[in-house]
């Protein structure tokens, strides 16, 4: 009986989410709870895999102290109550991807939660081609890739689908046609793919990224061989597949509208089917 009573008095620290995923530019809240009645101090630490723990914020009773590295980070907020605390991120960027450990100080002893890993999803925006093109013209396709969530980097590929066959294949690694820049603390890659002049059939091109063992596919651009272009856009790009929306933009609608609608309606299922066969994990 005394042993049971003793064990029940040992305080616990719980971080309810082992992992949590957020998109570049989004927001997320990391939670931490304790069973202790009197907490002397709360603290949060950040750890990038392979690196040492880095303190973010600590409290001593009601006094909150941000570490020097995070003093000017208005994106990060800290909230604390008697038995819970929260770390809130806004305008998330790729640098936020890490383990976050919550701890409490009780009776001169430290107690830690199990940690929460924050994954920052890469977001792809494929820019529409606004000008019409004719057979024999070359076309430059552009896409922007926001964020890089894995230390091993990421590979950029362009996928092409021919409408008559429904086959998707890669045009090869196009890293030599990508420029990497830093915008407000987040990594952005700007990539260009030049479609050759030999375009002879309807084709759809997708900017895609392989990162963290996943394939992430952009919104896609449909090129019609007779010079009229149909652009497919998924809104929002980061929505789960069950909340799939699409818009259709056609320049100089010489093609029947019903044909464009069929392209939009049939393509997502065919794309998912092919990628599933390859064992790839897809995100929109």
C-alpha atoms as a PDB file:
ATOM      1  CA  UNK A   1       0.000   0.000   0.000  1.00  0.00           C
ATOM      2  CA  UNK A   2       2.820   2.377   0.892  1.00  0.00           C
ATOM      3  CA  UNK A   3       4.576   1.525  -2.413  1.00  0.00           C
ATOM      4  CA  UNK A   4       1.445   2.361  -4.419  1.00  0.00           C
ATOM      5  CA  UNK A   5       1.130   5.645  -2.562  1.00  0.00           C
ATOM      6  CA  UNK A   6       4.788   6.390  -3.253  1.00  0.00           C
ATOM      7  CA  UNK A   7       4.508   5.725  -6.966  1.00  0.00           C
ATOM      8  CA  UNK A   8       1.364   7.834  -7.298  1.00  0.00           C
ATOM      9  CA  UNK A   9       3.241  10.832  -5.875  1.00  0.00           C
ATOM     10  CA  UNK A  10       5.877  10.799  -8.621  1.00  0.00           C
ATOM     11  CA  UNK A  11       4.942  13.677 -10.983  1.00  0.00           C
ATOM     12  CA  UNK A  12       4.676  13.122 -14.703  1.00  0.00           C
ATOM     13  CA  UNK A  13       5.169  15.420 -17.692  1.00  0.00           C
ATOM     14  CA  UNK A  14       3.122  14.668 -20.788  1.00  0.00           C
ATOM     15  CA  UNK A  15       3.509  16.025 -24.324  1.00  0.00           C
ATOM     16  CA  UNK A  16       0.327  14.693 -25.973  1.00  0.00           C
ATOM     17  CA  UNK A  17       1.666  14.817 -29.543  1.00  0.00           C
ATOM     18  CA  UNK A  18       4.660  12.626 -30.355  1.00  0.00           C
ATOM     19  CA  UNK A  19       4.833  14.366 -33.717  1.00  0.00           C
ATOM     20  CA  UNK A  20       2.972  17.174 -35.415  1.00  0.00           C
ATOM     21  CA  UNK A  21       3.044  18.488 -38.971  1.00  0.00           C
ATOM     22  CA  UNK A  22       2.699  22.070 -40.178  1.00  0.00           C
ATOM     23  CA  UNK A  23       3.031  23.830 -43.521  1.00  0.00           C
ATOM     24  CA  UNK A  24       5.421  26.628 -44.379  1.00  0.00           C
ATOM     25  CA  UNK A  25       3.751  29.925 -43.440  1.00  0.00           C
ATOM     26  CA  UNK A  26       1.235  28.213 -41.137  1.00  0.00           C
ATOM     27  CA  UNK A  27       0.936  28.060 -37.352  1.00  0.00           C
ATOM     28  CA  UNK A  28       1.050  25.317 -34.734  1.00  0.00           C
ATOM     29  CA  UNK A  29       0.797  24.893 -30.958  1.00  0.00           C
ATOM     30  CA  UNK A  30       2.934  22.414 -28.992  1.00  0.00           C
ATOM     31  CA  UNK A  31       1.352  21.428 -25.673  1.00  0.00           C
ATOM     32  CA  UNK A  32       2.741  20.121 -22.402  1.00  0.00           C
ATOM     33  CA  UNK A  33       0.949  18.975 -19.223  1.00  0.00           C
ATOM     34  CA  UNK A  34       2.050  17.918 -15.751  1.00  0.00           C
ATOM     35  CA  UNK A  35       0.392  16.185 -12.811  1.00  0.00           C
ATOM     36  CA  UNK A  36       2.489  18.169 -10.313  1.00  0.00           C
ATOM     37  CA  UNK A  37       0.708  20.538  -7.939  1.00  0.00           C
ATOM     38  CA  UNK A  38       3.502  23.057  -7.573  1.00  0.00           C
ATOM     39  CA  UNK A  39       5.817  23.818 -10.488  1.00  0.00           C
ATOM     40  CA  UNK A  40       8.837  25.945  -9.659  1.00  0.00           C
ATOM     41  CA  UNK A  41       9.900  26.402 -13.296  1.00  0.00           C
ATOM     42  CA  UNK A  42       8.820  25.444 -16.827  1.00  0.00           C
ATOM     43  CA  UNK A  43      11.194  25.269 -19.777  1.00  0.00           C
ATOM     44  CA  UNK A  44      11.224  24.304 -23.450  1.00  0.00           C
ATOM     45  CA  UNK A  45      14.241  23.108 -25.419  1.00  0.00           C
ATOM     46  CA  UNK A  46      14.801  22.648 -29.148  1.00  0.00           C
ATOM     47  CA  UNK A  47      16.911  19.876 -30.643  1.00  0.00           C
ATOM     48  CA  UNK A  48      17.765  19.441 -34.298  1.00  0.00           C
ATOM     49  CA  UNK A  49      18.612  15.741 -34.835  1.00  0.00           C
ATOM     50  CA  UNK A  50      22.328  15.204 -34.349  1.00  0.00           C
ATOM     51  CA  UNK A  51      22.812  18.472 -32.464  1.00  0.00           C
ATOM     52  CA  UNK A  52      22.766  19.455 -28.794  1.00  0.00           C
ATOM     53  CA  UNK A  53      19.730  20.714 -26.875  1.00  0.00           C
ATOM     54  CA  UNK A  54      19.106  24.432 -27.290  1.00  0.00           C
ATOM     55  CA  UNK A  55      17.024  26.254 -24.597  1.00  0.00           C
ATOM     56  CA  UNK A  56      14.166  28.399 -25.966  1.00  0.00           C
ATOM     57  CA  UNK A  57      12.248  29.722 -22.958  1.00  0.00           C
ATOM     58  CA  UNK A  58      12.063  29.206 -19.218  1.00  0.00           C
ATOM     59  CA  UNK A  59       9.967  30.475 -16.347  1.00  0.00           C
ATOM     60  CA  UNK A  60      10.671  30.926 -12.670  1.00  0.00           C
ATOM     61  CA  UNK A  61       7.268  31.089 -11.046  1.00  0.00           C
ATOM     62  CA  UNK A  62       5.631  33.941 -13.042  1.00  0.00           C
ATOM     63  CA  UNK A  63       8.753  35.361 -14.692  1.00  0.00           C
ATOM     64  CA  UNK A  64       9.222  34.360 -18.341  1.00  0.00           C
ATOM     65  CA  UNK A  65      12.689  34.445 -19.883  1.00  0.00           C
ATOM     66  CA  UNK A  66      13.384  33.905 -23.590  1.00  0.00           C
ATOM     67  CA  UNK A  67      16.883  32.831 -24.505  1.00  0.00           C
ATOM     68  CA  UNK A  68      18.952  35.364 -26.443  1.00  0.00           C
ATOM     69  CA  UNK A  69      18.621  33.550 -29.795  1.00  0.00           C
ATOM     70  CA  UNK A  70      14.830  33.829 -29.616  1.00  0.00           C
ATOM     71  CA  UNK A  71      14.436  37.317 -28.124  1.00  0.00           C
ATOM     72  CA  UNK A  72      13.522  38.910 -31.461  1.00  0.00           C
ATOM     73  CA  UNK A  73      11.402  35.969 -32.655  1.00  0.00           C
ATOM     74  CA  UNK A  74       7.929  37.494 -32.557  1.00  0.00           C
ATOM     75  CA  UNK A  75       6.701  34.329 -34.333  1.00  0.00           C
ATOM     76  CA  UNK A  76       7.177  32.309 -31.137  1.00  0.00           C
ATOM     77  CA  UNK A  77       4.835  32.742 -28.163  1.00  0.00           C
ATOM     78  CA  UNK A  78       4.845  31.001 -24.812  1.00  0.00           C
ATOM     79  CA  UNK A  79       1.811  30.418 -22.578  1.00  0.00           C
ATOM     80  CA  UNK A  80       1.788  28.868 -19.122  1.00  0.00           C
ATOM     81  CA  UNK A  81      -0.856  27.856 -16.579  1.00  0.00           C
ATOM     82  CA  UNK A  82      -0.671  25.956 -13.287  1.00  0.00           C
ATOM     83  CA  UNK A  83      -0.413  22.534 -14.887  1.00  0.00           C
ATOM     84  CA  UNK A  84       0.141  23.170 -18.577  1.00  0.00           C
ATOM     85  CA  UNK A  85       2.236  25.216 -20.954  1.00  0.00           C
ATOM     86  CA  UNK A  86       2.273  25.756 -24.698  1.00  0.00           C
ATOM     87  CA  UNK A  87       4.764  26.854 -27.322  1.00  0.00           C
ATOM     88  CA  UNK A  88       3.047  28.583 -30.257  1.00  0.00           C
ATOM     89  CA  UNK A  89       4.633  29.139 -33.669  1.00  0.00           C
ATOM     90  CA  UNK A  90       3.285  31.441 -36.375  1.00  0.00           C
ATOM     91  CA  UNK A  91       4.630  32.017 -39.892  1.00  0.00           C
ATOM     92  CA  UNK A  92       6.433  28.680 -39.714  1.00  0.00           C
ATOM     93  CA  UNK A  93       9.593  28.245 -41.782  1.00  0.00           C
ATOM     94  CA  UNK A  94      11.873  25.313 -42.512  1.00  0.00           C
ATOM     95  CA  UNK A  95      14.206  26.165 -39.605  1.00  0.00           C
ATOM     96  CA  UNK A  96      11.464  25.289 -37.128  1.00  0.00           C
ATOM     97  CA  UNK A  97      11.644  21.570 -37.969  1.00  0.00           C
ATOM     98  CA  UNK A  98      13.091  19.895 -34.839  1.00  0.00           C
ATOM     99  CA  UNK A  99      12.359  18.018 -31.613  1.00  0.00           C
ATOM    100  CA  UNK A 100      10.841  20.144 -28.848  1.00  0.00           C
ATOM    101  CA  UNK A 101      11.248  18.986 -25.245  1.00  0.00           C
ATOM    102  CA  UNK A 102       9.152  20.285 -22.373  1.00  0.00           C
ATOM    103  CA  UNK A 103      10.358  20.063 -18.790  1.00  0.00           C
ATOM    104  CA  UNK A 104       9.478  21.171 -15.268  1.00  0.00           C
ATOM    105  CA  UNK A 105      11.486  21.827 -12.115  1.00  0.00           C
ATOM    106  CA  UNK A 106       9.993  20.325  -8.940  1.00  0.00           C
ATOM    107  CA  UNK A 107      11.670  20.132  -5.560  1.00  0.00           C
ATOM    108  CA  UNK A 108      15.135  20.616  -7.115  1.00  0.00           C
ATOM    109  CA  UNK A 109      14.542  17.794  -9.612  1.00  0.00           C
ATOM    110  CA  UNK A 110      13.970  18.031 -13.368  1.00  0.00           C
ATOM    111  CA  UNK A 111      11.256  16.063 -15.144  1.00  0.00           C
ATOM    112  CA  UNK A 112      10.921  15.845 -18.937  1.00  0.00           C
ATOM    113  CA  UNK A 113       8.135  14.996 -21.335  1.00  0.00           C
ATOM    114  CA  UNK A 114       8.616  12.541 -24.180  1.00  0.00           C
ATOM    115  CA  UNK A 115       9.227  15.300 -26.744  1.00  0.00           C
ATOM    116  CA  UNK A 116       7.336  16.399 -29.858  1.00  0.00           C
ATOM    117  CA  UNK A 117       8.823  16.374 -33.333  1.00  0.00           C
ATOM    118  CA  UNK A 118       7.677  19.229 -35.560  1.00  0.00           C
ATOM    119  CA  UNK A 119       7.741  18.405 -39.264  1.00  0.00           C
ATOM    120  CA  UNK A 120       7.529  21.333 -41.673  1.00  0.00           C
ATOM    121  CA  UNK A 121       5.952  20.378 -44.977  1.00  0.00           C
ATOM    122  CA  UNK A 122       7.390  21.599 -48.231  1.00  0.00           C
ATOM    123  CA  UNK A 123       4.881  23.631 -50.251  1.00  0.00           C
ATOM    124  CA  UNK A 124       5.013  23.829 -54.047  1.00  0.00           C
ATOM    125  CA  UNK A 125       3.429  26.595 -56.099  1.00  0.00           C
ATOM    126  CA  UNK A 126       3.452  25.998 -59.843  1.00  0.00           C
ATOM    127  CA  UNK A 127       2.985  29.261 -61.708  1.00  0.00           C
ATOM    128  CA  UNK A 128       0.548  29.258 -64.659  1.00  0.00           C
ATOM    129  CA  UNK A 129       1.651  30.029 -68.197  1.00  0.00           C
ATOM    130  CA  UNK A 130      -0.511  33.011 -69.118  1.00  0.00           C
ATOM    131  CA  UNK A 131       0.455  33.283 -72.799  1.00  0.00           C
ATOM    132  CA  UNK A 132      -0.823  30.879 -75.450  1.00  0.00           C
ATOM    133  CA  UNK A 133       1.736  28.839 -77.401  1.00  0.00           C
ATOM    134  CA  UNK A 134       1.667  27.049 -80.730  1.00  0.00           C
ATOM    135  CA  UNK A 135       3.200  23.826 -82.003  1.00  0.00           C
ATOM    136  CA  UNK A 136       6.914  24.449 -82.505  1.00  0.00           C
ATOM    137  CA  UNK A 137       7.146  26.959 -79.655  1.00  0.00           C
ATOM    138  CA  UNK A 138       9.238  26.219 -76.585  1.00  0.00           C
ATOM    139  CA  UNK A 139       7.621  26.924 -73.219  1.00  0.00           C
ATOM    140  CA  UNK A 140       9.248  27.766 -69.882  1.00  0.00           C
ATOM    141  CA  UNK A 141       7.441  26.338 -66.845  1.00  0.00           C
ATOM    142  CA  UNK A 142       8.123  27.854 -63.415  1.00  0.00           C
ATOM    143  CA  UNK A 143       7.579  26.622 -59.881  1.00  0.00           C
ATOM    144  CA  UNK A 144       8.498  27.846 -56.389  1.00  0.00           C
ATOM    145  CA  UNK A 145       9.324  25.411 -53.583  1.00  0.00           C
ATOM    146  CA  UNK A 146       8.960  26.737 -50.035  1.00  0.00           C
ATOM    147  CA  UNK A 147      10.811  25.079 -47.170  1.00  0.00           C
ATOM    148  CA  UNK A 148      13.245  22.224 -46.726  1.00  0.00           C
ATOM    149  CA  UNK A 149      12.326  19.951 -43.844  1.00  0.00           C
ATOM    150  CA  UNK A 150      15.139  17.356 -43.920  1.00  0.00           C
ATOM    151  CA  UNK A 151      18.837  17.786 -43.252  1.00  0.00           C
ATOM    152  CA  UNK A 152      19.618  15.570 -46.258  1.00  0.00           C
ATOM    153  CA  UNK A 153      18.166  18.167 -48.613  1.00  0.00           C
ATOM    154  CA  UNK A 154      15.709  17.551 -51.399  1.00  0.00           C
ATOM    155  CA  UNK A 155      15.686  16.646 -55.085  1.00  0.00           C
ATOM    156  CA  UNK A 156      13.522  18.458 -57.631  1.00  0.00           C
ATOM    157  CA  UNK A 157      11.985  16.559 -60.544  1.00  0.00           C
ATOM    158  CA  UNK A 158       9.563  17.385 -63.330  1.00  0.00           C
ATOM    159  CA  UNK A 159       6.948  14.757 -64.088  1.00  0.00           C
ATOM    160  CA  UNK A 160       5.216  14.544 -67.438  1.00  0.00           C
ATOM    161  CA  UNK A 161       1.944  12.873 -68.263  1.00  0.00           C
ATOM    162  CA  UNK A 162       0.745  12.341 -71.813  1.00  0.00           C
ATOM    163  CA  UNK A 163      -3.035  12.413 -72.037  1.00  0.00           C
ATOM    164  CA  UNK A 164      -3.330   9.494 -74.445  1.00  0.00           C
ATOM    165  CA  UNK A 165      -1.427   7.042 -72.240  1.00  0.00           C
ATOM    166  CA  UNK A 166      -1.829   8.282 -68.672  1.00  0.00           C
ATOM    167  CA  UNK A 167       1.818   7.375 -67.959  1.00  0.00           C
ATOM    168  CA  UNK A 168       3.847   9.497 -65.573  1.00  0.00           C
ATOM    169  CA  UNK A 169       7.635   9.535 -65.837  1.00  0.00           C
ATOM    170  CA  UNK A 170      10.454  11.821 -64.856  1.00  0.00           C
ATOM    171  CA  UNK A 171      12.286  14.159 -67.179  1.00  0.00           C
ATOM    172  CA  UNK A 172      15.291  13.838 -64.873  1.00  0.00           C
ATOM    173  CA  UNK A 173      16.801  15.705 -61.957  1.00  0.00           C
ATOM    174  CA  UNK A 174      16.623  19.443 -62.704  1.00  0.00           C
ATOM    175  CA  UNK A 175      18.613  20.801 -59.762  1.00  0.00           C
ATOM    176  CA  UNK A 176      20.896  22.632 -62.196  1.00  0.00           C
ATOM    177  CA  UNK A 177      17.882  24.739 -63.224  1.00  0.00           C
ATOM    178  CA  UNK A 178      16.905  25.720 -59.672  1.00  0.00           C
ATOM    179  CA  UNK A 179      18.032  28.794 -57.768  1.00  0.00           C
ATOM    180  CA  UNK A 180      17.928  28.719 -53.965  1.00  0.00           C
ATOM    181  CA  UNK A 181      17.237  31.927 -52.030  1.00  0.00           C
ATOM    182  CA  UNK A 182      16.338  32.796 -48.437  1.00  0.00           C
ATOM    183  CA  UNK A 183      13.134  34.733 -47.780  1.00  0.00           C
ATOM    184  CA  UNK A 184      12.282  35.797 -44.190  1.00  0.00           C
ATOM    185  CA  UNK A 185      14.246  32.907 -42.737  1.00  0.00           C
ATOM    186  CA  UNK A 186      12.781  30.223 -45.013  1.00  0.00           C
ATOM    187  CA  UNK A 187      14.415  28.478 -47.942  1.00  0.00           C
ATOM    188  CA  UNK A 188      12.801  29.032 -51.351  1.00  0.00           C
ATOM    189  CA  UNK A 189      13.823  27.307 -54.554  1.00  0.00           C
ATOM    190  CA  UNK A 190      12.819  28.860 -57.862  1.00  0.00           C
ATOM    191  CA  UNK A 191      12.885  26.269 -60.648  1.00  0.00           C
ATOM    192  CA  UNK A 192      12.459  26.492 -64.424  1.00  0.00           C
ATOM    193  CA  UNK A 193      11.793  23.678 -66.875  1.00  0.00           C
ATOM    194  CA  UNK A 194      11.968  24.296 -70.620  1.00  0.00           C
ATOM    195  CA  UNK A 195       9.524  22.236 -72.673  1.00  0.00           C
ATOM    196  CA  UNK A 196      11.181  21.503 -76.052  1.00  0.00           C
ATOM    197  CA  UNK A 197       9.794  22.620 -79.399  1.00  0.00           C
ATOM    198  CA  UNK A 198       8.854  19.045 -80.285  1.00  0.00           C
ATOM    199  CA  UNK A 199       5.597  19.126 -78.305  1.00  0.00           C
ATOM    200  CA  UNK A 200       3.282  17.018 -80.456  1.00  0.00           C
ATOM    201  CA  UNK A 201       0.588  15.829 -78.040  1.00  0.00           C
ATOM    202  CA  UNK A 202      -1.357  17.030 -75.019  1.00  0.00           C
ATOM    203  CA  UNK A 203       0.907  16.858 -71.968  1.00  0.00           C
ATOM    204  CA  UNK A 204       0.715  17.778 -68.286  1.00  0.00           C
ATOM    205  CA  UNK A 205       3.850  18.834 -66.391  1.00  0.00           C
ATOM    206  CA  UNK A 206       4.297  18.645 -62.624  1.00  0.00           C
ATOM    207  CA  UNK A 207       6.980  20.183 -60.481  1.00  0.00           C
ATOM    208  CA  UNK A 208       7.723  17.708 -57.673  1.00  0.00           C
ATOM    209  CA  UNK A 209      10.083  17.323 -54.726  1.00  0.00           C
ATOM    210  CA  UNK A 210      11.497  14.220 -53.069  1.00  0.00           C
ATOM    211  CA  UNK A 211      12.259  15.016 -49.422  1.00  0.00           C
ATOM    212  CA  UNK A 212      12.114  13.111 -46.119  1.00  0.00           C
ATOM    213  CA  UNK A 213      11.276   9.930 -48.059  1.00  0.00           C
ATOM    214  CA  UNK A 214       8.132  11.463 -49.577  1.00  0.00           C
ATOM    215  CA  UNK A 215       7.113  12.656 -53.021  1.00  0.00           C
ATOM    216  CA  UNK A 216       5.307  16.008 -52.979  1.00  0.00           C
ATOM    217  CA  UNK A 217       3.637  17.007 -56.246  1.00  0.00           C
ATOM    218  CA  UNK A 218       2.824  20.533 -57.435  1.00  0.00           C
ATOM    219  CA  UNK A 219      -0.401  21.796 -58.960  1.00  0.00           C
ATOM    220  CA  UNK A 220       0.447  21.001 -62.601  1.00  0.00           C
ATOM    221  CA  UNK A 221       0.211  22.708 -65.979  1.00  0.00           C
ATOM    222  CA  UNK A 222      -1.639  21.246 -68.956  1.00  0.00           C
ATOM    223  CA  UNK A 223      -0.231  22.038 -72.402  1.00  0.00           C
ATOM    224  CA  UNK A 224      -2.480  21.287 -75.383  1.00  0.00           C
ATOM    225  CA  UNK A 225      -0.632  20.617 -78.622  1.00  0.00           C
ATOM    226  CA  UNK A 226      -2.763  22.845 -80.858  1.00  0.00           C
ATOM    227  CA  UNK A 227      -1.522  25.865 -78.937  1.00  0.00           C
ATOM    228  CA  UNK A 228      -4.317  26.275 -76.379  1.00  0.00           C
ATOM    229  CA  UNK A 229      -3.362  25.854 -72.751  1.00  0.00           C
ATOM    230  CA  UNK A 230      -5.394  24.413 -69.882  1.00  0.00           C
ATOM    231  CA  UNK A 231      -4.051  25.044 -66.366  1.00  0.00           C
ATOM    232  CA  UNK A 232      -5.037  22.866 -63.409  1.00  0.00           C
ATOM    233  CA  UNK A 233      -4.653  24.364 -59.927  1.00  0.00           C
ATOM    234  CA  UNK A 234      -5.391  22.700 -56.569  1.00  0.00           C
ATOM    235  CA  UNK A 235      -6.664  25.113 -53.895  1.00  0.00           C
ATOM    236  CA  UNK A 236      -5.329  25.067 -51.276  1.00  0.00           C
ATOM    237  CA  UNK A 237      -2.248  23.063 -52.275  1.00  0.00           C
ATOM    238  CA  UNK A 238      -1.672  21.860 -48.702  1.00  0.00           C
ATOM    239  CA  UNK A 239      -5.206  20.489 -48.239  1.00  0.00           C
ATOM    240  CA  UNK A 240      -5.564  16.724 -47.693  1.00  0.00           C
ATOM    241  CA  UNK A 241      -6.729  14.691 -50.706  1.00  0.00           C
ATOM    242  CA  UNK A 242     -10.207  14.300 -49.160  1.00  0.00           C
ATOM    243  CA  UNK A 243     -10.700  18.086 -49.475  1.00  0.00           C
ATOM    244  CA  UNK A 244      -9.726  18.331 -53.135  1.00  0.00           C
ATOM    245  CA  UNK A 245     -10.711  21.426 -55.053  1.00  0.00           C
ATOM    246  CA  UNK A 246      -9.768  22.426 -58.572  1.00  0.00           C
ATOM    247  CA  UNK A 247     -10.023  25.413 -60.837  1.00  0.00           C
ATOM    248  CA  UNK A 248      -9.742  25.397 -64.579  1.00  0.00           C
ATOM    249  CA  UNK A 249      -8.223  28.169 -66.644  1.00  0.00           C
ATOM    250  CA  UNK A 250      -8.351  27.932 -70.461  1.00  0.00           C
ATOM    251  CA  UNK A 251      -6.881  30.471 -72.824  1.00  0.00           C
ATOM    252  CA  UNK A 252      -8.802  31.006 -76.099  1.00  0.00           C
ATOM    253  CA  UNK A 253     -11.389  28.299 -75.503  1.00  0.00           C
ATOM    254  CA  UNK A 254     -11.489  26.611 -78.890  1.00  0.00           C
ATOM    255  CA  UNK A 255     -11.649  23.247 -77.124  1.00  0.00           C
ATOM    256  CA  UNK A 256     -15.070  22.209 -75.782  1.00  0.00           C
ATOM    257  CA  UNK A 257     -15.459  23.154 -72.129  1.00  0.00           C
ATOM    258  CA  UNK A 258     -16.610  19.614 -71.318  1.00  0.00           C
ATOM    259  CA  UNK A 259     -13.232  18.217 -72.359  1.00  0.00           C
ATOM    260  CA  UNK A 260     -11.397  20.478 -69.907  1.00  0.00           C
ATOM    261  CA  UNK A 261     -13.822  19.537 -67.140  1.00  0.00           C
ATOM    262  CA  UNK A 262     -13.185  15.853 -67.808  1.00  0.00           C
ATOM    263  CA  UNK A 263      -9.431  16.438 -67.551  1.00  0.00           C
ATOM    264  CA  UNK A 264      -9.857  18.024 -64.122  1.00  0.00           C
ATOM    265  CA  UNK A 265     -12.267  15.357 -62.894  1.00  0.00           C
ATOM    266  CA  UNK A 266     -10.273  12.312 -64.019  1.00  0.00           C
ATOM    267  CA  UNK A 267      -6.685  13.350 -63.443  1.00  0.00           C
ATOM    268  CA  UNK A 268      -6.331  13.287 -59.608  1.00  0.00           C
ATOM    269  CA  UNK A 269      -7.482   9.645 -59.326  1.00  0.00           C
ATOM    270  CA  UNK A 270      -5.185   8.527 -62.141  1.00  0.00           C
ATOM    271  CA  UNK A 271      -2.234  10.386 -60.646  1.00  0.00           C
ATOM    272  CA  UNK A 272      -2.823   8.896 -57.195  1.00  0.00           C
ATOM    273  CA  UNK A 273      -3.178   5.397 -58.655  1.00  0.00           C
ATOM    274  CA  UNK A 274       0.146   5.570 -60.485  1.00  0.00           C
ATOM    275  CA  UNK A 275       1.988   7.029 -57.489  1.00  0.00           C
ATOM    276  CA  UNK A 276       0.473   4.422 -55.149  1.00  0.00           C
ATOM    277  CA  UNK A 277       1.774   1.666 -57.424  1.00  0.00           C
ATOM    278  CA  UNK A 278       5.250   3.130 -57.059  1.00  0.00           C
ATOM    279  CA  UNK A 279       4.861   3.102 -53.268  1.00  0.00           C
ATOM    280  CA  UNK A 280       5.221   6.863 -53.035  1.00  0.00           C
ATOM    281  CA  UNK A 281       3.603   8.995 -50.371  1.00  0.00           C
ATOM    282  CA  UNK A 282       1.850  11.972 -51.943  1.00  0.00           C
ATOM    283  CA  UNK A 283       0.781  15.321 -50.483  1.00  0.00           C
ATOM    284  CA  UNK A 284      -1.140  18.191 -52.011  1.00  0.00           C
END
